[in-house]
């Protein structure tokens, strides 16, 4: 099961793509869909008060796999 390795952000700082450690790069909607299916290891999908879906790392007390700690692609 692949993990998120890097993230791509737009000019506003919003995540628009992710790179997995298996070499694939996914758009944000593709990443959400794969995470909902349990294909991406270490994350789950949440929904904010406006109905927007987002990825959250599963708690394991490892800061290095937090989405904000990943390098940019």
PDB file of N, CA and C in Angstrom:
ATOM      1  N   UNK A   1       0.847  -1.180   0.000  1.00  0.00           N
ATOM      2  CA  UNK A   1       0.000   0.000   0.000  1.00  0.00           C
ATOM      3  C   UNK A   1       0.893   1.243   0.000  1.00  0.00           C
ATOM      4  N   UNK A   2       0.710   2.141  -0.965  1.00  0.00           N
ATOM      5  CA  UNK A   2       1.580   3.318  -1.039  1.00  0.00           C
ATOM      6  C   UNK A   2       1.266   4.353   0.038  1.00  0.00           C
ATOM      7  N   UNK A   3       2.278   5.149   0.332  1.00  0.00           N
ATOM      8  CA  UNK A   3       2.152   6.283   1.266  1.00  0.00           C
ATOM      9  C   UNK A   3       2.396   7.578   0.500  1.00  0.00           C
ATOM     10  N   UNK A   4       1.909   8.681   1.040  1.00  0.00           N
ATOM     11  CA  UNK A   4       2.174   9.993   0.448  1.00  0.00           C
ATOM     12  C   UNK A   4       3.623  10.364   0.730  1.00  0.00           C
ATOM     13  N   UNK A   5       4.329  10.761  -0.323  1.00  0.00           N
ATOM     14  CA  UNK A   5       5.743  11.131  -0.205  1.00  0.00           C
ATOM     15  C   UNK A   5       5.932  12.640  -0.297  1.00  0.00           C
ATOM     16  N   UNK A   6       5.285  13.279  -1.278  1.00  0.00           N
ATOM     17  CA  UNK A   6       5.421  14.715  -1.518  1.00  0.00           C
ATOM     18  C   UNK A   6       4.057  15.292  -1.860  1.00  0.00           C
ATOM     19  N   UNK A   7       3.946  16.618  -1.749  1.00  0.00           N
ATOM     20  CA  UNK A   7       2.704  17.297  -2.093  1.00  0.00           C
ATOM     21  C   UNK A   7       2.982  18.440  -3.057  1.00  0.00           C
ATOM     22  N   UNK A   8       1.998  18.787  -3.865  1.00  0.00           N
ATOM     23  CA  UNK A   8       2.074  19.940  -4.761  1.00  0.00           C
ATOM     24  C   UNK A   8       1.031  20.954  -4.338  1.00  0.00           C
ATOM     25  N   UNK A   9       1.445  22.194  -4.193  1.00  0.00           N
ATOM     26  CA  UNK A   9       0.526  23.264  -3.769  1.00  0.00           C
ATOM     27  C   UNK A   9       0.362  24.301  -4.872  1.00  0.00           C
ATOM     28  N   UNK A  10      -0.797  24.950  -4.913  1.00  0.00           N
ATOM     29  CA  UNK A  10      -1.010  26.049  -5.847  1.00  0.00           C
ATOM     30  C   UNK A  10      -0.511  27.353  -5.217  1.00  0.00           C
ATOM     31  N   UNK A  11      -0.723  28.470  -5.911  1.00  0.00           N
ATOM     32  CA  UNK A  11      -0.226  29.769  -5.425  1.00  0.00           C
ATOM     33  C   UNK A  11      -0.863  30.183  -4.102  1.00  0.00           C
ATOM     34  N   UNK A  12      -2.063  29.683  -3.817  1.00  0.00           N
ATOM     35  CA  UNK A  12      -2.759  30.012  -2.570  1.00  0.00           C
ATOM     36  C   UNK A  12      -2.319  29.105  -1.426  1.00  0.00           C
ATOM     37  N   UNK A  13      -1.439  28.140  -1.720  1.00  0.00           N
ATOM     38  CA  UNK A  13      -0.947  27.241  -0.692  1.00  0.00           C
ATOM     39  C   UNK A  13      -1.806  26.008  -0.488  1.00  0.00           C
ATOM     40  N   UNK A  14      -2.832  25.839  -1.314  1.00  0.00           N
ATOM     41  CA  UNK A  14      -3.710  24.677  -1.190  1.00  0.00           C
ATOM     42  C   UNK A  14      -3.079  23.477  -1.889  1.00  0.00           C
ATOM     43  N   UNK A  15      -3.242  22.311  -1.311  1.00  0.00           N
ATOM     44  CA  UNK A  15      -2.714  21.098  -1.927  1.00  0.00           C
ATOM     45  C   UNK A  15      -3.528  20.794  -3.181  1.00  0.00           C
ATOM     46  N   UNK A  16      -2.829  20.594  -4.303  1.00  0.00           N
ATOM     47  CA  UNK A  16      -3.533  20.259  -5.545  1.00  0.00           C
ATOM     48  C   UNK A  16      -3.103  18.920  -6.122  1.00  0.00           C
ATOM     49  N   UNK A  17      -1.996  18.367  -5.649  1.00  0.00           N
ATOM     50  CA  UNK A  17      -1.567  17.047  -6.099  1.00  0.00           C
ATOM     51  C   UNK A  17      -0.704  16.406  -5.023  1.00  0.00           C
ATOM     52  N   UNK A  18      -0.599  15.085  -5.107  1.00  0.00           N
ATOM     53  CA  UNK A  18       0.275  14.370  -4.194  1.00  0.00           C
ATOM     54  C   UNK A  18       1.096  13.358  -4.978  1.00  0.00           C
ATOM     55  N   UNK A  19       2.283  13.073  -4.475  1.00  0.00           N
ATOM     56  CA  UNK A  19       3.125  12.042  -5.065  1.00  0.00           C
ATOM     57  C   UNK A  19       3.240  10.920  -4.047  1.00  0.00           C
ATOM     58  N   UNK A  20       3.033   9.709  -4.526  1.00  0.00           N
ATOM     59  CA  UNK A  20       3.104   8.541  -3.662  1.00  0.00           C
ATOM     60  C   UNK A  20       4.483   7.914  -3.734  1.00  0.00           C
ATOM     61  N   UNK A  21       4.820   7.129  -2.727  1.00  0.00           N
ATOM     62  CA  UNK A  21       6.139   6.507  -2.719  1.00  0.00           C
ATOM     63  C   UNK A  21       6.270   5.372  -3.742  1.00  0.00           C
ATOM     64  N   UNK A  22       5.181   5.056  -4.454  1.00  0.00           N
ATOM     65  CA  UNK A  22       5.284   4.097  -5.559  1.00  0.00           C
ATOM     66  C   UNK A  22       5.555   4.794  -6.887  1.00  0.00           C
ATOM     67  N   UNK A  23       5.750   6.138  -6.837  1.00  0.00           N
ATOM     68  CA  UNK A  23       6.102   6.906  -8.022  1.00  0.00           C
ATOM     69  C   UNK A  23       4.936   7.589  -8.718  1.00  0.00           C
ATOM     70  N   UNK A  24       3.708   7.234  -8.368  1.00  0.00           N
ATOM     71  CA  UNK A  24       2.551   7.865  -9.022  1.00  0.00           C
ATOM     72  C   UNK A  24       2.301   9.258  -8.453  1.00  0.00           C
ATOM     73  N   UNK A  25       1.829  10.170  -9.321  1.00  0.00           N
ATOM     74  CA  UNK A  25       1.378  11.489  -8.901  1.00  0.00           C
ATOM     75  C   UNK A  25      -0.119  11.552  -9.155  1.00  0.00           C
ATOM     76  N   UNK A  26      -0.873  11.921  -8.138  1.00  0.00           N
ATOM     77  CA  UNK A  26      -2.328  11.980  -8.222  1.00  0.00           C
ATOM     78  C   UNK A  26      -2.814  13.405  -8.060  1.00  0.00           C
ATOM     79  N   UNK A  27      -3.882  13.738  -8.778  1.00  0.00           N
ATOM     80  CA  UNK A  27      -4.555  15.013  -8.539  1.00  0.00           C
ATOM     81  C   UNK A  27      -5.245  14.924  -7.186  1.00  0.00           C
ATOM     82  N   UNK A  28      -5.674  16.055  -6.667  1.00  0.00           N
ATOM     83  CA  UNK A  28      -6.347  16.060  -5.369  1.00  0.00           C
ATOM     84  C   UNK A  28      -7.594  15.174  -5.382  1.00  0.00           C
ATOM     85  N   UNK A  29      -8.480  15.290  -6.400  1.00  0.00           N
ATOM     86  CA  UNK A  29      -9.657  14.409  -6.413  1.00  0.00           C
ATOM     87  C   UNK A  29      -9.292  12.922  -6.501  1.00  0.00           C
ATOM     88  N   UNK A  30      -8.258  12.590  -7.244  1.00  0.00           N
ATOM     89  CA  UNK A  30      -7.811  11.194  -7.326  1.00  0.00           C
ATOM     90  C   UNK A  30      -7.297  10.715  -5.964  1.00  0.00           C
ATOM     91  N   UNK A  31      -6.562  11.570  -5.269  1.00  0.00           N
ATOM     92  CA  UNK A  31      -6.023  11.214  -3.955  1.00  0.00           C
ATOM     93  C   UNK A  31      -7.155  10.977  -2.956  1.00  0.00           C
ATOM     94  N   UNK A  32      -8.164  11.841  -2.973  1.00  0.00           N
ATOM     95  CA  UNK A  32      -9.316  11.674  -2.085  1.00  0.00           C
ATOM     96  C   UNK A  32      -9.999  10.336  -2.377  1.00  0.00           C
ATOM     97  N   UNK A  33     -10.227  10.046  -3.667  1.00  0.00           N
ATOM     98  CA  UNK A  33     -10.907   8.811  -4.056  1.00  0.00           C
ATOM     99  C   UNK A  33     -10.121   7.579  -3.610  1.00  0.00           C
ATOM    100  N   UNK A  34      -8.815   7.592  -3.814  1.00  0.00           N
ATOM    101  CA  UNK A  34      -7.995   6.443  -3.414  1.00  0.00           C
ATOM    102  C   UNK A  34      -7.947   6.294  -1.895  1.00  0.00           C
ATOM    103  N   UNK A  35      -7.880   7.410  -1.182  1.00  0.00           N
ATOM    104  CA  UNK A  35      -7.861   7.348   0.284  1.00  0.00           C
ATOM    105  C   UNK A  35      -9.193   6.817   0.812  1.00  0.00           C
ATOM    106  N   UNK A  36     -10.299   7.193   0.191  1.00  0.00           N
ATOM    107  CA  UNK A  36     -11.610   6.693   0.612  1.00  0.00           C
ATOM    108  C   UNK A  36     -11.715   5.181   0.423  1.00  0.00           C
ATOM    109  N   UNK A  37     -11.027   4.661  -0.578  1.00  0.00           N
ATOM    110  CA  UNK A  37     -11.028   3.220  -0.843  1.00  0.00           C
ATOM    111  C   UNK A  37     -10.009   2.479   0.025  1.00  0.00           C
ATOM    112  N   UNK A  38      -9.204   3.228   0.802  1.00  0.00           N
ATOM    113  CA  UNK A  38      -8.197   2.608   1.648  1.00  0.00           C
ATOM    114  C   UNK A  38      -6.936   2.220   0.910  1.00  0.00           C
ATOM    115  N   UNK A  39      -6.717   2.792  -0.279  1.00  0.00           N
ATOM    116  CA  UNK A  39      -5.560   2.447  -1.101  1.00  0.00           C
ATOM    117  C   UNK A  39      -4.296   3.152  -0.615  1.00  0.00           C
ATOM    118  N   UNK A  40      -4.430   4.351  -0.046  1.00  0.00           N
ATOM    119  CA  UNK A  40      -3.274   5.115   0.425  1.00  0.00           C
ATOM    120  C   UNK A  40      -3.103   4.867   1.922  1.00  0.00           C
ATOM    121  N   UNK A  41      -1.930   4.434   2.295  1.00  0.00           N
ATOM    122  CA  UNK A  41      -1.645   4.093   3.693  1.00  0.00           C
ATOM    123  C   UNK A  41      -1.384   5.348   4.527  1.00  0.00           C
ATOM    124  N   UNK A  42      -1.892   5.361   5.741  1.00  0.00           N
ATOM    125  CA  UNK A  42      -1.553   6.403   6.706  1.00  0.00           C
ATOM    126  C   UNK A  42      -2.420   7.643   6.694  1.00  0.00           C
ATOM    127  N   UNK A  43      -3.492   7.661   5.877  1.00  0.00           N
ATOM    128  CA  UNK A  43      -4.381   8.829   5.843  1.00  0.00           C
ATOM    129  C   UNK A  43      -5.839   8.381   5.875  1.00  0.00           C
ATOM    130  N   UNK A  44      -6.700   9.307   6.277  1.00  0.00           N
ATOM    131  CA  UNK A  44      -8.137   9.089   6.152  1.00  0.00           C
ATOM    132  C   UNK A  44      -8.757  10.361   5.595  1.00  0.00           C
ATOM    133  N   UNK A  45      -9.975  10.265   5.105  1.00  0.00           N
ATOM    134  CA  UNK A  45     -10.674  11.407   4.517  1.00  0.00           C
ATOM    135  C   UNK A  45     -11.643  11.970   5.542  1.00  0.00           C
ATOM    136  N   UNK A  46     -11.554  13.281   5.738  1.00  0.00           N
ATOM    137  CA  UNK A  46     -12.491  13.990   6.593  1.00  0.00           C
ATOM    138  C   UNK A  46     -13.319  14.935   5.748  1.00  0.00           C
ATOM    139  N   UNK A  47     -14.374  15.478   6.330  1.00  0.00           N
ATOM    140  CA  UNK A  47     -15.217  16.450   5.643  1.00  0.00           C
ATOM    141  C   UNK A  47     -15.400  17.642   6.561  1.00  0.00           C
ATOM    142  N   UNK A  48     -15.137  18.859   6.020  1.00  0.00           N
ATOM    143  CA  UNK A  48     -15.276  20.052   6.854  1.00  0.00           C
ATOM    144  C   UNK A  48     -16.733  20.517   6.888  1.00  0.00           C
ATOM    145  N   UNK A  49     -16.982  21.598   7.601  1.00  0.00           N
ATOM    146  CA  UNK A  49     -18.349  22.092   7.785  1.00  0.00           C
ATOM    147  C   UNK A  49     -18.994  22.585   6.492  1.00  0.00           C
ATOM    148  N   UNK A  50     -18.176  22.843   5.461  1.00  0.00           N
ATOM    149  CA  UNK A  50     -18.699  23.279   4.161  1.00  0.00           C
ATOM    150  C   UNK A  50     -18.887  22.107   3.204  1.00  0.00           C
ATOM    151  N   UNK A  51     -18.589  20.897   3.665  1.00  0.00           N
ATOM    152  CA  UNK A  51     -18.733  19.721   2.830  1.00  0.00           C
ATOM    153  C   UNK A  51     -17.509  19.395   1.990  1.00  0.00           C
ATOM    154  N   UNK A  52     -16.415  20.151   2.168  1.00  0.00           N
ATOM    155  CA  UNK A  52     -15.174  19.904   1.433  1.00  0.00           C
ATOM    156  C   UNK A  52     -14.434  18.724   2.066  1.00  0.00           C
ATOM    157  N   UNK A  53     -13.972  17.805   1.221  1.00  0.00           N
ATOM    158  CA  UNK A  53     -13.213  16.663   1.721  1.00  0.00           C
ATOM    159  C   UNK A  53     -11.737  17.021   1.821  1.00  0.00           C
ATOM    160  N   UNK A  54     -11.062  16.424   2.793  1.00  0.00           N
ATOM    161  CA  UNK A  54      -9.638  16.672   2.994  1.00  0.00           C
ATOM    162  C   UNK A  54      -8.983  15.402   3.518  1.00  0.00           C
ATOM    163  N   UNK A  55      -7.671  15.333   3.386  1.00  0.00           N
ATOM    164  CA  UNK A  55      -6.907  14.201   3.887  1.00  0.00           C
ATOM    165  C   UNK A  55      -6.296  14.551   5.231  1.00  0.00           C
ATOM    166  N   UNK A  56      -6.328  13.599   6.140  1.00  0.00           N
ATOM    167  CA  UNK A  56      -5.689  13.760   7.445  1.00  0.00           C
ATOM    168  C   UNK A  56      -4.796  12.560   7.685  1.00  0.00           C
ATOM    169  N   UNK A  57      -3.611  12.786   8.218  1.00  0.00           N
ATOM    170  CA  UNK A  57      -2.764  11.641   8.557  1.00  0.00           C
ATOM    171  C   UNK A  57      -3.348  10.902   9.757  1.00  0.00           C
ATOM    172  N   UNK A  58      -3.217   9.607   9.755  1.00  0.00           N
ATOM    173  CA  UNK A  58      -3.622   8.818  10.919  1.00  0.00           C
ATOM    174  C   UNK A  58      -2.644   9.117  12.038  1.00  0.00           C
ATOM    175  N   UNK A  59      -3.121   9.237  13.245  1.00  0.00           N
ATOM    176  CA  UNK A  59      -2.263   9.562  14.376  1.00  0.00           C
ATOM    177  C   UNK A  59      -1.322   8.417  14.692  1.00  0.00           C
ATOM    178  N   UNK A  60      -0.040   8.727  14.631  1.00  0.00           N
ATOM    179  CA  UNK A  60       0.968   7.746  15.026  1.00  0.00           C
ATOM    180  C   UNK A  60       2.129   8.430  15.731  1.00  0.00           C
ATOM    181  N   UNK A  61       1.939   9.711  16.064  1.00  0.00           N
ATOM    182  CA  UNK A  61       2.954  10.508  16.760  1.00  0.00           C
ATOM    183  C   UNK A  61       4.245  10.666  15.968  1.00  0.00           C
ATOM    184  N   UNK A  62       4.182  10.514  14.649  1.00  0.00           N
ATOM    185  CA  UNK A  62       5.341  10.702  13.787  1.00  0.00           C
ATOM    186  C   UNK A  62       5.122  11.961  12.956  1.00  0.00           C
ATOM    187  N   UNK A  63       5.770  13.066  13.342  1.00  0.00           N
ATOM    188  CA  UNK A  63       5.591  14.337  12.646  1.00  0.00           C
ATOM    189  C   UNK A  63       6.022  14.251  11.190  1.00  0.00           C
ATOM    190  N   UNK A  64       6.980  13.392  10.876  1.00  0.00           N
ATOM    191  CA  UNK A  64       7.524  13.326   9.521  1.00  0.00           C
ATOM    192  C   UNK A  64       6.508  12.910   8.479  1.00  0.00           C
ATOM    193  N   UNK A  65       5.401  12.252   8.853  1.00  0.00           N
ATOM    194  CA  UNK A  65       4.413  11.886   7.843  1.00  0.00           C
ATOM    195  C   UNK A  65       3.191  12.807   7.861  1.00  0.00           C
ATOM    196  N   UNK A  66       3.271  13.926   8.599  1.00  0.00           N
ATOM    197  CA  UNK A  66       2.242  14.941   8.564  1.00  0.00           C
ATOM    198  C   UNK A  66       2.314  15.630   7.207  1.00  0.00           C
ATOM    199  N   UNK A  67       1.161  15.917   6.576  1.00  0.00           N
ATOM    200  CA  UNK A  67       1.173  16.516   5.234  1.00  0.00           C
ATOM    201  C   UNK A  67       1.937  17.829   5.183  1.00  0.00           C
ATOM    202  N   UNK A  68       1.940  18.598   6.257  1.00  0.00           N
ATOM    203  CA  UNK A  68       2.679  19.859   6.268  1.00  0.00           C
ATOM    204  C   UNK A  68       4.177  19.657   6.345  1.00  0.00           C
ATOM    205  N   UNK A  69       4.629  18.463   6.718  1.00  0.00           N
ATOM    206  CA  UNK A  69       6.061  18.195   6.855  1.00  0.00           C
ATOM    207  C   UNK A  69       6.656  17.635   5.570  1.00  0.00           C
ATOM    208  N   UNK A  70       5.826  17.300   4.583  1.00  0.00           N
ATOM    209  CA  UNK A  70       6.330  16.691   3.363  1.00  0.00           C
ATOM    210  C   UNK A  70       6.925  17.718   2.423  1.00  0.00           C
ATOM    211  N   UNK A  71       7.832  17.274   1.563  1.00  0.00           N
ATOM    212  CA  UNK A  71       8.437  18.185   0.600  1.00  0.00           C
ATOM    213  C   UNK A  71       7.467  18.491  -0.526  1.00  0.00           C
ATOM    214  N   UNK A  72       7.714  19.583  -1.209  1.00  0.00           N
ATOM    215  CA  UNK A  72       6.872  19.999  -2.334  1.00  0.00           C
ATOM    216  C   UNK A  72       7.347  19.350  -3.616  1.00  0.00           C
ATOM    217  N   UNK A  73       6.397  19.051  -4.520  1.00  0.00           N
ATOM    218  CA  UNK A  73       6.762  18.507  -5.829  1.00  0.00           C
ATOM    219  C   UNK A  73       6.634  19.582  -6.881  1.00  0.00           C
TER     220      UNK A  73
END
